[in-house]
């Protein structure tokens, strides 16, 4: 299908993508992200439940690939529906009525001299497709450009196609620095806790490797999600292993750390993924016991990961989001914790476009009910 207005650029879908070639092109750019690679199929629980990847390429009239975009087609409520066996039969209905498209850190443009034309052709293709088959494009972001000119041009193109914008923030720890500089970049509270842990010699950090480690992490993940009033991503250990940990797409990409006491009791864990010089943290898990005893397990995990990333040649450790001015005490605490690790505050733009207002209003109302239910359950737990 030719992209209207771009006579020398054709955008088409690739039903059977050549994974090696697709990922080679992603890795050819410094802004190439795992979220635009075929490996994203191993992380559906994070990127949209049972989302289906749609691979788009923009080519010139000789068949040369000028740009590409990995689009995720799914349902707004898919993660919560597919994780609950009783609700799973509703998933096809939800996909039909509340179909959405999304992507992270795309599209990728390889021919920078035609940046605007290629970028616009891919956006136009998605816009036409979404008008026919979706009620919104949600939570989409640009690549992590090193060139501000490209970022500004891409932003203007999103706006030209009617996308709404909102700002979000995260911390980026730059790992390509000497060890001493990384250490002194930490806030004093982080260094104090790490010295206290080292002096006590009671906590040890190891990589998640064997089945016992995987089980220990999963149990803490369930405990953490229950404590926070969140839905349980994986109801059983077998489901966690089959759909996430043992997924072939994540091999060599997904790693994990466990923090244990000297008697071998796991008190905290962290999953993270590594791709193209970047480390992105995923699932943070920790026990009630670690909170009650103020064991600072996640302090030593964070520092261990910073050291590991620096030693293994990674450039950036992305702490995956904070809210700066939140009135919520919990979110304030998350911001203060992530601010301790010497990272720079990085702002990025999230793009949304609604094609069916009444469906969007229904989703918003459902979200309000869900949040109220979580608050009520949390209060009930505290009162008991």
Protein backbone atom coordinates (compact mmCIF):
# COMPACT_ATOMS: atom_id res chain seq x y z
CA UNK A 1 0.00 0.00 0.00
CA UNK A 2 1.46 3.34 -1.03
CA UNK A 3 1.39 6.10 1.55
CA UNK A 4 -0.74 8.91 0.19
CA UNK A 5 1.28 12.01 -0.64
CA UNK A 6 4.58 10.10 -0.67
CA UNK A 7 4.69 8.71 -4.20
CA UNK A 8 8.24 7.34 -3.94
CA UNK A 9 7.66 5.69 -0.53
CA UNK A 10 5.54 2.59 -0.03
CA UNK A 11 4.52 1.39 3.43
CA UNK A 12 3.57 -2.24 3.77
CA UNK A 13 3.07 -4.83 6.48
CA UNK A 14 5.35 -7.83 6.79
CA UNK A 15 3.20 -10.80 7.93
CA UNK A 16 6.30 -13.00 8.20
CA UNK A 17 9.14 -10.80 9.36
CA UNK A 18 12.75 -11.82 8.88
CA UNK A 19 13.74 -11.40 12.52
CA UNK A 20 17.52 -11.31 12.04
CA UNK A 21 17.35 -8.65 9.33
CA UNK A 22 14.73 -6.59 11.19
CA UNK A 23 16.80 -6.57 14.39
CA UNK A 24 20.02 -5.86 12.47
CA UNK A 25 18.44 -2.64 11.22
CA UNK A 26 17.28 -1.74 14.75
CA UNK A 27 20.79 -2.23 16.12
CA UNK A 28 22.28 -0.10 13.32
CA UNK A 29 20.93 3.05 15.01
CA UNK A 30 21.99 4.36 18.44
CA UNK A 31 18.31 5.10 19.10
CA UNK A 32 17.31 1.54 18.20
CA UNK A 33 15.37 0.08 21.13
CA UNK A 34 14.30 -3.39 22.21
CA UNK A 35 10.74 -2.06 21.97
CA UNK A 36 11.22 -1.86 18.20
CA UNK A 37 12.88 -5.28 17.93
CA UNK A 38 11.36 -8.72 17.43
CA UNK A 39 12.37 -9.50 21.04
CA UNK A 40 9.40 -7.44 22.21
CA UNK A 41 7.29 -10.55 21.64
CA UNK A 42 8.83 -11.93 24.83
CA UNK A 43 7.56 -8.99 26.88
CA UNK A 44 3.82 -8.87 26.08
CA UNK A 45 2.86 -8.74 29.74
CA UNK A 46 4.66 -5.41 29.95
CA UNK A 47 3.75 -3.94 26.56
CA UNK A 48 0.07 -4.79 26.42
CA UNK A 49 -0.99 -8.25 27.54
CA UNK A 50 -1.62 -10.44 24.50
CA UNK A 51 -0.69 -7.71 22.03
CA UNK A 52 -0.06 -8.77 18.45
CA UNK A 53 3.01 -7.27 16.75
CA UNK A 54 2.47 -5.64 13.34
CA UNK A 55 5.70 -5.04 11.41
CA UNK A 56 5.65 -2.05 9.03
CA UNK A 57 8.38 -1.10 6.58
CA UNK A 58 8.70 2.02 4.44
CA UNK A 59 10.53 1.33 1.17
CA UNK A 60 11.59 3.33 -1.85
CA UNK A 61 10.79 2.21 -5.41
CA UNK A 62 13.85 -0.08 -5.45
CA UNK A 63 12.73 -1.98 -2.35
CA UNK A 64 15.31 -0.36 -0.06
CA UNK A 65 14.06 -0.05 3.53
CA UNK A 66 14.02 3.61 4.55
CA UNK A 67 12.24 3.18 7.88
CA UNK A 68 10.26 0.74 9.98
CA UNK A 69 7.81 0.60 12.85
CA UNK A 70 6.80 -2.21 15.17
CA UNK A 71 3.17 -1.56 15.99
CA UNK A 72 1.37 -3.42 18.78
CA UNK A 73 -2.30 -4.26 18.26
CA UNK A 74 -4.20 -5.15 21.41
CA UNK A 75 -6.92 -4.21 23.81
CA UNK A 76 -6.85 -1.45 26.40
CA UNK A 77 -7.78 -3.83 29.21
CA UNK A 78 -5.94 -6.90 27.91
CA UNK A 79 -3.35 -7.28 30.70
CA UNK A 80 -5.98 -7.46 33.44
CA UNK A 81 -8.36 -9.65 31.43
CA UNK A 82 -5.90 -12.27 30.24
CA UNK A 83 -4.44 -12.62 33.76
CA UNK A 84 -7.80 -13.63 35.21
CA UNK A 85 -9.06 -17.06 34.09
CA UNK A 86 -12.71 -16.13 34.72
CA UNK A 87 -12.46 -13.06 32.48
CA UNK A 88 -10.30 -14.55 29.73
CA UNK A 89 -13.34 -15.54 27.56
CA UNK A 90 -14.14 -11.80 27.31
CA UNK A 91 -10.82 -11.05 25.64
CA UNK A 92 -12.00 -11.46 21.99
CA UNK A 93 -14.96 -9.19 22.72
CA UNK A 94 -12.69 -6.62 24.31
CA UNK A 95 -10.37 -6.76 21.30
CA UNK A 96 -13.30 -6.17 18.97
CA UNK A 97 -14.81 -3.19 20.79
CA UNK A 98 -11.71 -1.65 22.39
CA UNK A 99 -8.97 -2.41 19.88
CA UNK A 100 -5.94 -0.15 20.23
CA UNK A 101 -2.59 0.44 18.57
CA UNK A 102 0.55 1.50 20.37
CA UNK A 103 4.31 1.51 20.06
CA UNK A 104 7.33 2.60 22.00
CA UNK A 105 10.36 4.44 20.65
CA UNK A 106 9.44 4.45 17.00
CA UNK A 107 9.29 4.83 14.10
CA UNK A 108 12.92 4.25 13.15
CA UNK A 109 14.18 6.13 10.11
CA UNK A 110 17.38 4.88 8.47
CA UNK A 111 17.60 7.43 5.66
CA UNK A 112 17.98 10.66 7.63
CA UNK A 113 18.04 12.82 4.47
CA UNK A 114 14.38 11.81 3.97
CA UNK A 115 13.52 11.82 7.66
CA UNK A 116 10.30 13.86 7.49
CA UNK A 117 8.91 12.02 4.47
CA UNK A 118 9.62 8.53 5.84
CA UNK A 119 8.38 9.35 9.33
CA UNK A 120 5.24 10.97 7.96
CA UNK A 121 4.52 8.05 5.61
CA UNK A 122 4.60 5.59 8.51
CA UNK A 123 2.42 7.82 10.70
CA UNK A 124 -0.09 8.26 7.90
CA UNK A 125 -0.33 4.50 7.38
CA UNK A 126 -1.04 3.96 11.09
CA UNK A 127 -3.56 6.81 11.13
CA UNK A 128 -5.56 5.32 8.24
CA UNK A 129 -5.39 1.84 9.75
CA UNK A 130 -6.47 3.06 13.20
CA UNK A 131 -9.46 4.98 11.82
CA UNK A 132 -10.81 1.73 10.40
CA UNK A 133 -9.92 -0.72 13.14
CA UNK A 134 -9.17 0.94 16.49
CA UNK A 135 -10.70 3.37 18.92
CA UNK A 136 -7.35 4.94 19.82
CA UNK A 137 -3.59 5.00 19.43
CA UNK A 138 -2.20 5.17 22.95
CA UNK A 139 1.04 5.63 24.88
CA UNK A 140 3.28 5.92 21.85
CA UNK A 141 6.69 7.54 22.03
CA UNK A 142 9.51 8.70 19.78
CA UNK A 143 12.93 7.04 19.58
CA UNK A 144 15.61 8.25 21.99
CA UNK A 145 17.29 10.58 19.51
CA UNK A 146 20.68 12.03 20.31
CA UNK A 147 19.89 14.79 17.77
CA UNK A 148 17.39 17.36 19.09
CA UNK A 149 16.59 18.44 15.53
CA UNK A 150 15.20 14.97 14.73
CA UNK A 151 13.23 14.91 17.99
CA UNK A 152 11.64 18.29 17.25
CA UNK A 153 10.84 17.33 13.65
CA UNK A 154 9.26 14.04 14.79
CA UNK A 155 7.26 15.85 17.46
CA UNK A 156 5.85 18.30 14.91
CA UNK A 157 4.81 15.42 12.64
CA UNK A 158 2.91 13.75 15.48
CA UNK A 159 1.14 17.05 16.16
CA UNK A 160 0.35 17.49 12.45
CA UNK A 161 -1.50 14.15 12.53
CA UNK A 162 -3.61 15.27 15.49
CA UNK A 163 -1.92 13.43 18.34
CA UNK A 164 -2.40 14.75 21.87
CA UNK A 165 0.78 15.11 23.90
CA UNK A 166 1.78 14.80 27.54
CA UNK A 167 5.14 14.90 29.27
CA UNK A 168 6.58 12.10 31.39
CA UNK A 169 9.94 11.78 33.10
CA UNK A 170 12.49 9.17 34.05
CA UNK A 171 16.03 8.98 35.39
CA UNK A 172 18.95 7.98 33.16
CA UNK A 173 22.14 6.87 34.89
CA UNK A 174 25.09 7.29 32.50
CA UNK A 175 27.21 4.18 32.98
CA UNK A 176 30.13 5.12 30.70
CA UNK A 177 31.97 6.82 33.57
CA UNK A 178 34.73 5.74 35.96
CA UNK A 179 33.65 3.72 39.01
CA UNK A 180 34.67 6.48 41.42
CA UNK A 181 32.58 9.03 39.53
CA UNK A 182 29.57 6.71 39.61
CA UNK A 183 30.01 6.23 43.37
CA UNK A 184 30.31 9.94 44.13
CA UNK A 185 27.34 10.62 41.87
CA UNK A 186 25.11 8.80 44.36
CA UNK A 187 23.32 10.88 46.95
CA UNK A 188 24.75 10.67 50.45
CA UNK A 189 21.74 8.68 51.69
CA UNK A 190 22.46 5.94 49.14
CA UNK A 191 26.18 5.81 50.01
CA UNK A 192 25.33 5.69 53.73
CA UNK A 193 22.98 2.73 53.29
CA UNK A 194 25.46 0.87 51.08
CA UNK A 195 28.26 1.35 53.63
CA UNK A 196 25.94 0.11 56.37
CA UNK A 197 25.08 -2.99 54.31
CA UNK A 198 28.75 -3.66 53.57
CA UNK A 199 29.72 -3.32 57.24
CA UNK A 200 27.00 -5.72 58.39
CA UNK A 201 27.83 -8.23 55.61
CA UNK A 202 24.31 -9.63 55.91
CA UNK A 203 23.04 -9.22 52.32
CA UNK A 204 24.24 -10.85 49.13
CA UNK A 205 23.19 -10.11 45.51
CA UNK A 206 23.25 -12.90 42.94
CA UNK A 207 21.89 -13.36 39.44
CA UNK A 208 18.68 -15.31 38.92
CA UNK A 209 19.81 -18.55 37.34
CA UNK A 210 18.21 -21.74 38.66
CA UNK A 211 14.55 -22.73 39.02
CA UNK A 212 14.68 -22.05 42.78
CA UNK A 213 15.75 -18.46 42.06
CA UNK A 214 12.90 -18.03 39.58
CA UNK A 215 10.40 -19.32 42.12
CA UNK A 216 11.75 -17.02 44.84
CA UNK A 217 11.40 -14.01 42.52
CA UNK A 218 7.86 -14.96 41.42
CA UNK A 219 6.70 -15.38 45.03
CA UNK A 220 8.02 -11.91 45.90
CA UNK A 221 6.41 -10.45 42.77
CA UNK A 222 3.01 -11.81 43.81
CA UNK A 223 3.53 -10.51 47.35
CA UNK A 224 4.47 -7.07 46.02
CA UNK A 225 1.49 -6.84 43.66
CA UNK A 226 -0.91 -7.95 46.40
CA UNK A 227 0.55 -5.41 48.82
CA UNK A 228 0.15 -2.62 46.25
CA UNK A 229 -3.41 -3.63 45.31
CA UNK A 230 -2.38 -4.52 41.76
CA UNK A 231 -3.64 -7.39 39.65
CA UNK A 232 -1.42 -10.49 39.71
CA UNK A 233 0.45 -10.62 36.39
CA UNK A 234 1.08 -14.36 36.61
CA UNK A 235 -1.30 -16.42 38.69
CA UNK A 236 0.97 -19.46 38.87
CA UNK A 237 4.69 -20.16 38.77
CA UNK A 238 4.21 -22.35 35.69
CA UNK A 239 2.49 -19.48 33.89
CA UNK A 240 5.34 -17.10 34.79
CA UNK A 241 7.93 -19.54 33.49
CA UNK A 242 6.08 -20.45 30.30
CA UNK A 243 4.90 -16.99 29.22
CA UNK A 244 7.78 -14.86 30.46
CA UNK A 245 10.95 -16.31 31.93
CA UNK A 246 11.35 -19.21 29.48
CA UNK A 247 10.12 -17.25 26.45
CA UNK A 248 12.76 -17.72 23.71
CA UNK A 249 12.48 -14.04 22.67
CA UNK A 250 13.86 -12.92 26.01
CA UNK A 251 16.93 -15.18 26.10
CA UNK A 252 20.09 -13.11 26.27
CA UNK A 253 17.97 -10.00 26.86
CA UNK A 254 16.17 -10.54 30.18
CA UNK A 255 18.20 -10.89 33.36
CA UNK A 256 17.40 -10.78 37.03
CA UNK A 257 18.97 -10.14 40.42
CA UNK A 258 18.05 -11.50 43.85
CA UNK A 259 19.02 -10.08 47.22
CA UNK A 260 19.25 -12.65 50.02
CA UNK A 261 20.07 -12.53 53.70
CA UNK A 262 23.09 -14.47 54.95
CA UNK A 263 20.83 -17.44 55.79
CA UNK A 264 19.63 -17.58 52.14
CA UNK A 265 16.22 -15.91 52.60
CA UNK A 266 15.25 -13.87 49.50
CA UNK A 267 14.07 -10.37 50.41
CA UNK A 268 14.15 -8.52 47.08
CA UNK A 269 14.49 -8.98 43.35
CA UNK A 270 14.71 -7.02 40.12
CA UNK A 271 14.26 -8.01 36.50
CA UNK A 272 15.94 -5.93 33.81
CA UNK A 273 16.54 -6.15 30.08
CA UNK A 274 19.67 -5.25 28.13
CA UNK A 275 19.72 -4.15 24.52
CA UNK A 276 21.88 -1.91 22.32
CA UNK A 277 23.80 -0.33 25.21
CA UNK A 278 20.73 0.30 27.38
CA UNK A 279 19.54 -1.32 30.61
CA UNK A 280 15.85 -0.96 31.48
CA UNK A 281 14.48 -2.20 34.79
CA UNK A 282 11.20 -4.10 34.70
CA UNK A 283 9.73 -5.90 37.69
CA UNK A 284 10.67 -4.72 41.19
CA UNK A 285 9.73 -7.17 43.94
CA UNK A 286 10.39 -7.17 47.67
CA UNK A 287 8.97 -8.78 50.79
CA UNK A 288 7.00 -7.30 53.66
CA UNK A 289 9.78 -8.59 55.92
CA UNK A 290 12.39 -6.45 54.15
CA UNK A 291 10.26 -3.34 54.69
CA UNK A 292 9.57 -4.09 58.36
CA UNK A 293 13.25 -4.78 59.08
CA UNK A 294 14.53 -1.86 56.96
CA UNK A 295 17.04 -4.12 55.21
CA UNK A 296 17.74 -1.83 52.22
CA UNK A 297 17.83 -4.77 49.83
CA UNK A 298 16.98 -2.66 46.82
CA UNK A 299 19.77 -0.23 47.56
CA UNK A 300 22.38 -2.94 47.14
CA UNK A 301 20.55 -4.34 44.07
CA UNK A 302 20.57 -0.92 42.37
CA UNK A 303 24.25 -0.35 43.05
CA UNK A 304 25.13 -3.88 41.95
CA UNK A 305 23.33 -3.28 38.63
CA UNK A 306 25.07 0.07 38.10
CA UNK A 307 28.46 -1.58 38.65
CA UNK A 308 27.57 -4.54 36.43
CA UNK A 309 26.31 -2.31 33.62
CA UNK A 310 29.41 -0.11 33.70
CA UNK A 311 31.76 -3.11 33.71
CA UNK A 312 29.94 -4.72 30.78
CA UNK A 313 29.98 -1.70 28.48
CA UNK A 314 26.41 -0.43 28.76
CA UNK A 315 25.79 3.29 28.26
CA UNK A 316 22.51 4.08 30.00
CA UNK A 317 20.52 2.61 32.90
CA UNK A 318 16.89 3.71 32.55
CA UNK A 319 15.00 3.63 35.86
CA UNK A 320 11.72 3.58 33.89
CA UNK A 321 9.67 6.50 35.04
CA UNK A 322 8.98 8.86 37.94
CA UNK A 323 6.38 11.51 38.75
CA UNK A 324 7.98 14.75 39.84
CA UNK A 325 5.11 16.73 41.35
CA UNK A 326 2.78 13.98 42.53
CA UNK A 327 0.76 14.59 45.70
CA UNK A 328 0.66 10.85 46.33
CA UNK A 329 3.04 9.91 49.14
CA UNK A 330 3.91 6.57 47.58
CA UNK A 331 4.85 8.18 44.25
CA UNK A 332 6.85 10.80 46.11
CA UNK A 333 8.75 7.99 47.81
CA UNK A 334 9.46 6.30 44.46
CA UNK A 335 10.80 9.58 43.07
CA UNK A 336 13.05 10.13 46.09
CA UNK A 337 14.39 6.56 45.89
CA UNK A 338 15.17 6.73 42.17
CA UNK A 339 16.72 10.18 42.54
CA UNK A 340 19.45 8.73 44.80
CA UNK A 341 21.37 6.93 42.07
CA UNK A 342 23.13 9.72 40.21
CA UNK A 343 20.87 9.80 37.19
CA UNK A 344 19.88 12.76 35.06
CA UNK A 345 16.19 13.62 34.92
CA UNK A 346 15.06 12.97 31.33
CA UNK A 347 11.77 14.22 29.91
CA UNK A 348 9.97 12.52 27.03
CA UNK A 349 6.65 12.98 25.26
CA UNK A 350 3.82 10.44 25.13
CA UNK A 351 1.43 10.63 22.16
CA UNK A 352 -2.25 9.56 22.10
CA UNK A 353 -5.01 9.90 19.55
CA UNK A 354 -8.67 9.01 20.16
CA UNK A 355 -10.86 7.91 17.25
CA UNK A 356 -14.00 7.05 19.27
CA UNK A 357 -14.79 9.50 22.08
CA UNK A 358 -17.59 7.46 23.68
CA UNK A 359 -15.37 4.39 23.97
CA UNK A 360 -12.61 6.50 25.50
CA UNK A 361 -15.08 7.86 28.05
CA UNK A 362 -16.21 4.32 28.90
CA UNK A 363 -12.60 3.26 29.44
CA UNK A 364 -11.95 6.30 31.65
CA UNK A 365 -15.01 5.54 33.77
CA UNK A 366 -13.95 1.90 34.12
CA UNK A 367 -10.49 3.03 35.20
CA UNK A 368 -12.01 5.20 37.92
CA UNK A 369 -14.02 2.24 39.24
CA UNK A 370 -10.91 0.05 39.18
CA UNK A 371 -8.86 2.60 41.10
CA UNK A 372 -11.57 3.02 43.72
CA UNK A 373 -11.75 -0.74 44.10
CA UNK A 374 -7.99 -0.94 44.64
CA UNK A 375 -8.10 1.81 47.26
CA UNK A 376 -10.97 0.07 49.07
CA UNK A 377 -9.12 -3.28 49.06
CA UNK A 378 -5.95 -1.62 50.36
CA UNK A 379 -7.88 0.01 53.20
CA UNK A 380 -9.57 -3.28 54.05
CA UNK A 381 -6.19 -4.98 54.20
CA UNK A 382 -4.82 -2.29 56.53
CA UNK A 383 -7.88 -2.47 58.81
CA UNK A 384 -7.51 -6.24 59.18
